[in-house]
Amino acid sequence: MPSSWGHGFATEACTAVLGWFDGAHAGEAISLCTQTANRASMRLAARLGFDEVERFEAYDAEQWLGVRRPNRP
């Protein structure tokens, strides 16, 4: 909901999920994909430690593929 945007809820939720993932799947990378037009999601991915792997076209829009490798803060 737009009224919830910008309050850190996504950061808090994603940080919790990634913490669980790191414990349950130690040593494994995780990837994500978002549209490049979604600047907020791309900033969040960067804050969470995801690095860009590639950009490609799908669903009539440019997509961003990122990966978070193990042992990242």
Protein backbone atom coordinates (compact mmCIF):
# COMPACT_ATOMS: atom_id res chain seq x y z
CA MET A 1 0.00 0.00 0.00
CA PRO A 2 1.40 3.39 -0.90
CA SER A 3 0.70 4.68 2.62
CA SER A 4 3.26 2.15 3.89
CA TRP A 5 6.00 3.10 1.43
CA GLY A 6 9.14 4.69 2.84
CA HIS A 7 8.74 3.46 6.42
CA GLY A 8 11.35 0.70 6.27
CA PHE A 9 8.92 -2.22 6.37
CA ALA A 10 10.43 -3.87 3.28
CA THR A 11 13.95 -3.46 4.65
CA GLU A 12 12.94 -4.97 7.98
CA ALA A 13 11.11 -7.90 6.39
CA CYS A 14 13.83 -8.65 3.84
CA THR A 15 16.58 -8.43 6.46
CA ALA A 16 14.71 -10.98 8.59
CA VAL A 17 14.19 -13.34 5.65
CA LEU A 18 17.83 -13.08 4.56
CA GLY A 19 18.96 -13.74 8.12
CA TRP A 20 16.84 -16.89 8.20
CA PHE A 21 18.11 -17.90 4.74
CA ASP A 22 21.75 -17.48 5.79
CA GLY A 23 21.17 -19.77 8.77
CA ALA A 24 19.15 -22.37 6.90
CA HIS A 25 21.23 -22.39 3.72
CA ALA A 26 24.71 -21.37 4.82
CA GLY A 27 27.10 -20.78 1.96
CA GLU A 28 24.42 -20.41 -0.73
CA ALA A 29 23.80 -17.35 -2.86
CA ILE A 30 20.35 -15.89 -3.40
CA SER A 31 19.11 -13.96 -6.42
CA LEU A 32 16.34 -11.48 -7.13
CA CYS A 33 14.78 -9.82 -10.11
CA THR A 34 12.97 -6.48 -10.35
CA GLN A 35 12.16 -3.99 -13.05
CA THR A 36 14.74 -1.23 -13.45
CA ALA A 37 11.87 1.26 -13.36
CA ASN A 38 11.30 0.25 -9.72
CA ARG A 39 14.06 2.42 -8.29
CA ALA A 40 13.01 1.83 -4.67
CA SER A 41 13.40 -1.94 -5.07
CA MET A 42 16.79 -1.51 -6.71
CA ARG A 43 17.98 0.72 -3.82
CA LEU A 44 16.70 -1.84 -1.32
CA ALA A 45 18.52 -4.64 -3.15
CA ALA A 46 21.77 -2.64 -2.98
CA ARG A 47 21.32 -1.98 0.75
CA LEU A 48 20.75 -5.69 1.31
CA GLY A 49 24.01 -6.58 -0.44
CA PHE A 50 22.79 -7.65 -3.88
CA ASP A 51 25.11 -7.01 -6.81
CA GLU A 52 23.91 -6.57 -10.38
CA VAL A 53 24.45 -9.62 -12.58
CA GLU A 54 22.63 -8.51 -15.71
CA ARG A 55 19.79 -6.53 -17.23
CA PHE A 56 17.40 -8.02 -19.75
CA GLU A 57 14.03 -7.45 -21.39
CA ALA A 58 10.98 -9.37 -20.18
CA TYR A 59 7.30 -8.54 -19.69
CA ASP A 60 7.76 -5.52 -21.98
CA ALA A 61 10.18 -3.87 -19.54
CA GLU A 62 13.85 -3.85 -18.61
CA GLN A 63 14.56 -6.23 -15.72
CA TRP A 64 17.41 -6.20 -13.19
CA LEU A 65 18.92 -9.47 -11.93
CA GLY A 66 20.98 -9.32 -8.76
CA VAL A 67 22.76 -11.85 -6.56
CA ARG A 68 23.72 -11.79 -2.89
CA ARG A 69 26.65 -14.06 -2.26
CA PRO A 70 27.32 -15.75 1.10
CA ASN A 71 29.33 -14.09 3.87
CA ARG A 72 28.15 -10.56 3.07
CA PRO A 73 27.24 -8.12 5.83
